[in-house]
Amino acid sequence: MVSSGDPQPRIEPLKAFARKLKGYLPGILAHCCWQLHTSLIEGINNKIKVIKRMAYGFRDDNYFFLKIRAALPGIAG
């Protein structure tokens, strides 16, 4: 890299990168505010699958959803 003393050639790639990130800004900010990782989601899905296997044959869907809410007390529903 040749250093000509002019900062302009180095700033253009940074500006292009910032323009590309602009469309993702809401998602980036949401992750900063609510750091919800995929491991938590995978754990919740796994627990629901186990409850579903145990509830095989139940006719009442409301009871199934009550069991899910009881198993995940910190999740609003």
N, C-alpha and C. Protein backbone atom coordinates (compact mmCIF):
# COMPACT_ATOMS: atom_id res chain seq x y z
N MET A 1 0.85 -1.18 0.00
CA MET A 1 0.00 0.00 0.00
C MET A 1 0.89 1.24 0.00
N VAL A 2 0.62 2.13 -0.90
CA VAL A 2 1.41 3.34 -1.03
C VAL A 2 0.77 4.43 -0.19
N SER A 3 1.54 5.05 0.64
CA SER A 3 1.02 6.12 1.49
C SER A 3 1.30 7.45 0.81
N SER A 4 0.25 8.04 0.25
CA SER A 4 0.42 9.31 -0.45
C SER A 4 0.09 10.49 0.45
N GLY A 5 -0.36 10.20 1.68
CA GLY A 5 -0.72 11.29 2.57
C GLY A 5 -2.16 11.72 2.40
N ASP A 6 -2.81 11.25 1.34
CA ASP A 6 -4.21 11.60 1.09
C ASP A 6 -5.12 10.53 1.73
N PRO A 7 -5.95 10.90 2.71
CA PRO A 7 -6.81 9.90 3.37
C PRO A 7 -7.99 9.45 2.50
N GLN A 8 -8.24 10.11 1.41
CA GLN A 8 -9.41 9.81 0.57
C GLN A 8 -9.42 8.38 0.03
N PRO A 9 -8.33 7.82 -0.49
CA PRO A 9 -8.40 6.45 -1.02
C PRO A 9 -8.72 5.42 0.06
N ARG A 10 -8.33 5.66 1.30
CA ARG A 10 -8.58 4.71 2.36
C ARG A 10 -9.99 4.83 2.92
N ILE A 11 -10.62 5.97 2.80
CA ILE A 11 -11.94 6.19 3.41
C ILE A 11 -13.07 5.65 2.53
N GLU A 12 -12.86 5.55 1.23
CA GLU A 12 -13.92 5.09 0.33
C GLU A 12 -14.37 3.66 0.63
N PRO A 13 -13.48 2.68 0.86
CA PRO A 13 -13.95 1.34 1.21
C PRO A 13 -14.73 1.32 2.52
N LEU A 14 -14.34 2.17 3.46
CA LEU A 14 -15.06 2.26 4.72
C LEU A 14 -16.46 2.82 4.52
N LYS A 15 -16.59 3.80 3.65
CA LYS A 15 -17.91 4.35 3.34
C LYS A 15 -18.80 3.31 2.66
N ALA A 16 -18.21 2.54 1.75
CA ALA A 16 -18.97 1.49 1.06
C ALA A 16 -19.44 0.43 2.06
N PHE A 17 -18.59 0.06 2.99
CA PHE A 17 -18.96 -0.91 4.02
C PHE A 17 -20.10 -0.37 4.88
N ALA A 18 -20.04 0.90 5.26
CA ALA A 18 -21.09 1.52 6.08
C ALA A 18 -22.41 1.54 5.32
N ARG A 19 -22.37 1.80 4.01
CA ARG A 19 -23.60 1.81 3.21
C ARG A 19 -24.22 0.42 3.17
N LYS A 20 -23.39 -0.62 3.08
CA LYS A 20 -23.89 -1.99 3.05
C LYS A 20 -24.53 -2.38 4.38
N LEU A 21 -23.98 -1.88 5.47
CA LEU A 21 -24.52 -2.20 6.80
C LEU A 21 -25.82 -1.47 7.10
N LYS A 22 -26.08 -0.38 6.42
CA LYS A 22 -27.24 0.45 6.72
C LYS A 22 -28.55 -0.34 6.67
N GLY A 23 -28.70 -1.26 5.74
CA GLY A 23 -29.92 -2.06 5.65
C GLY A 23 -30.09 -3.03 6.81
N TYR A 24 -28.99 -3.40 7.44
CA TYR A 24 -29.03 -4.34 8.56
C TYR A 24 -29.09 -3.65 9.92
N LEU A 25 -29.16 -2.34 9.93
CA LEU A 25 -29.09 -1.58 11.17
C LEU A 25 -30.17 -1.98 12.18
N PRO A 26 -31.45 -2.14 11.79
CA PRO A 26 -32.44 -2.54 12.81
C PRO A 26 -32.10 -3.87 13.48
N GLY A 27 -31.62 -4.83 12.73
CA GLY A 27 -31.25 -6.12 13.31
C GLY A 27 -30.04 -6.02 14.23
N ILE A 28 -29.08 -5.21 13.84
CA ILE A 28 -27.88 -5.03 14.66
C ILE A 28 -28.24 -4.36 15.98
N LEU A 29 -29.08 -3.34 15.91
CA LEU A 29 -29.49 -2.66 17.13
C LEU A 29 -30.35 -3.55 18.02
N ALA A 30 -31.21 -4.37 17.41
CA ALA A 30 -32.04 -5.29 18.19
C ALA A 30 -31.16 -6.30 18.93
N HIS A 31 -30.11 -6.78 18.28
CA HIS A 31 -29.21 -7.72 18.94
C HIS A 31 -28.48 -7.06 20.11
N CYS A 32 -28.16 -5.78 19.96
CA CYS A 32 -27.48 -5.07 21.06
C CYS A 32 -28.42 -4.88 22.25
N CYS A 33 -29.70 -4.64 21.99
CA CYS A 33 -30.67 -4.43 23.07
C CYS A 33 -31.11 -5.74 23.70
N TRP A 34 -31.40 -6.75 22.88
CA TRP A 34 -31.89 -8.04 23.37
C TRP A 34 -30.98 -9.13 22.82
N GLN A 35 -30.01 -9.53 23.63
CA GLN A 35 -29.03 -10.51 23.16
C GLN A 35 -29.59 -11.92 23.29
N LEU A 36 -30.43 -12.27 22.35
CA LEU A 36 -31.05 -13.59 22.32
C LEU A 36 -30.24 -14.46 21.37
N HIS A 37 -29.61 -15.48 21.93
CA HIS A 37 -28.75 -16.34 21.13
C HIS A 37 -29.51 -17.56 20.65
N THR A 38 -29.02 -18.18 19.61
CA THR A 38 -29.70 -19.34 19.04
C THR A 38 -29.70 -20.52 19.99
N SER A 39 -28.76 -20.58 20.93
CA SER A 39 -28.74 -21.69 21.87
C SER A 39 -29.99 -21.67 22.75
N LEU A 40 -30.45 -20.50 23.13
CA LEU A 40 -31.67 -20.39 23.93
C LEU A 40 -32.88 -20.86 23.12
N ILE A 41 -32.97 -20.43 21.87
CA ILE A 41 -34.07 -20.84 21.01
C ILE A 41 -34.05 -22.35 20.77
N GLU A 42 -32.86 -22.91 20.55
CA GLU A 42 -32.74 -24.36 20.35
C GLU A 42 -33.19 -25.12 21.58
N GLY A 43 -32.84 -24.62 22.76
CA GLY A 43 -33.26 -25.26 24.00
C GLY A 43 -34.77 -25.25 24.17
N ILE A 44 -35.39 -24.12 23.83
CA ILE A 44 -36.85 -24.01 23.93
C ILE A 44 -37.51 -24.97 22.94
N ASN A 45 -37.01 -25.00 21.70
CA ASN A 45 -37.57 -25.91 20.70
C ASN A 45 -37.43 -27.36 21.13
N ASN A 46 -36.29 -27.71 21.71
CA ASN A 46 -36.07 -29.08 22.16
C ASN A 46 -37.04 -29.46 23.27
N LYS A 47 -37.26 -28.54 24.20
CA LYS A 47 -38.18 -28.80 25.31
C LYS A 47 -39.60 -28.99 24.78
N ILE A 48 -40.01 -28.19 23.81
CA ILE A 48 -41.34 -28.31 23.22
C ILE A 48 -41.48 -29.66 22.51
N LYS A 49 -40.43 -30.09 21.82
CA LYS A 49 -40.48 -31.39 21.14
C LYS A 49 -40.66 -32.53 22.13
N VAL A 50 -39.98 -32.45 23.28
CA VAL A 50 -40.11 -33.48 24.31
C VAL A 50 -41.54 -33.50 24.84
N ILE A 51 -42.10 -32.34 25.10
CA ILE A 51 -43.49 -32.25 25.59
C ILE A 51 -44.43 -32.81 24.54
N LYS A 52 -44.16 -32.52 23.28
CA LYS A 52 -45.01 -33.02 22.18
C LYS A 52 -44.99 -34.54 22.12
N ARG A 53 -43.81 -35.12 22.30
CA ARG A 53 -43.71 -36.59 22.30
C ARG A 53 -44.47 -37.19 23.48
N MET A 54 -44.37 -36.55 24.64
CA MET A 54 -45.07 -37.06 25.82
C MET A 54 -46.57 -36.88 25.71
N ALA A 55 -47.01 -35.86 24.96
CA ALA A 55 -48.43 -35.55 24.85
C ALA A 55 -49.08 -36.22 23.65
N TYR A 56 -48.40 -37.16 23.01
CA TYR A 56 -48.96 -37.82 21.83
C TYR A 56 -50.27 -38.49 22.19
N GLY A 57 -51.30 -38.21 21.42
CA GLY A 57 -52.61 -38.82 21.63
C GLY A 57 -53.59 -37.93 22.39
N PHE A 58 -53.10 -36.85 22.98
CA PHE A 58 -54.02 -35.93 23.66
C PHE A 58 -54.88 -35.24 22.62
N ARG A 59 -56.14 -35.11 22.92
CA ARG A 59 -57.05 -34.45 21.97
C ARG A 59 -57.12 -32.95 22.19
N ASP A 60 -56.79 -32.53 23.38
CA ASP A 60 -57.00 -31.13 23.76
C ASP A 60 -55.73 -30.31 23.50
N ASP A 61 -55.77 -29.43 22.51
CA ASP A 61 -54.63 -28.57 22.20
C ASP A 61 -54.36 -27.57 23.32
N ASN A 62 -55.41 -27.11 23.98
CA ASN A 62 -55.23 -26.14 25.06
C ASN A 62 -54.38 -26.72 26.19
N TYR A 63 -54.59 -28.00 26.50
CA TYR A 63 -53.79 -28.66 27.54
C TYR A 63 -52.33 -28.74 27.12
N PHE A 64 -52.09 -29.01 25.85
CA PHE A 64 -50.73 -29.07 25.32
C PHE A 64 -50.02 -27.73 25.49
N PHE A 65 -50.71 -26.64 25.16
CA PHE A 65 -50.10 -25.32 25.29
C PHE A 65 -49.93 -24.92 26.75
N LEU A 66 -50.81 -25.38 27.61
CA LEU A 66 -50.63 -25.14 29.05
C LEU A 66 -49.38 -25.86 29.56
N LYS A 67 -49.13 -27.07 29.07
CA LYS A 67 -47.94 -27.81 29.47
C LYS A 67 -46.67 -27.07 29.01
N ILE A 68 -46.72 -26.50 27.81
CA ILE A 68 -45.57 -25.74 27.31
C ILE A 68 -45.34 -24.51 28.19
N ARG A 69 -46.41 -23.80 28.51
CA ARG A 69 -46.27 -22.61 29.36
C ARG A 69 -45.76 -22.97 30.75
N ALA A 70 -46.18 -24.12 31.27
CA ALA A 70 -45.70 -24.55 32.58
C ALA A 70 -44.22 -24.93 32.54
N ALA A 71 -43.77 -25.49 31.43
CA ALA A 71 -42.38 -25.88 31.30
C ALA A 71 -41.45 -24.69 31.06
N LEU A 72 -42.00 -23.61 30.54
CA LEU A 72 -41.20 -22.41 30.23
C LEU A 72 -41.80 -21.22 30.96
N PRO A 73 -41.63 -21.13 32.27
CA PRO A 73 -42.31 -20.07 33.04
C PRO A 73 -41.82 -18.65 32.74
N GLY A 74 -40.58 -18.50 32.27
CA GLY A 74 -40.06 -17.15 32.03
C GLY A 74 -40.49 -16.57 30.69
N ILE A 75 -41.14 -17.37 29.85
CA ILE A 75 -41.54 -16.94 28.51
C ILE A 75 -42.99 -16.47 28.58
N ALA A 76 -43.23 -15.25 28.09
CA ALA A 76 -44.60 -14.72 28.07
C ALA A 76 -45.41 -15.45 27.02
N GLY A 77 -46.67 -15.67 27.31
CA GLY A 77 -47.47 -16.39 26.33
C GLY A 77 -48.89 -16.07 26.31
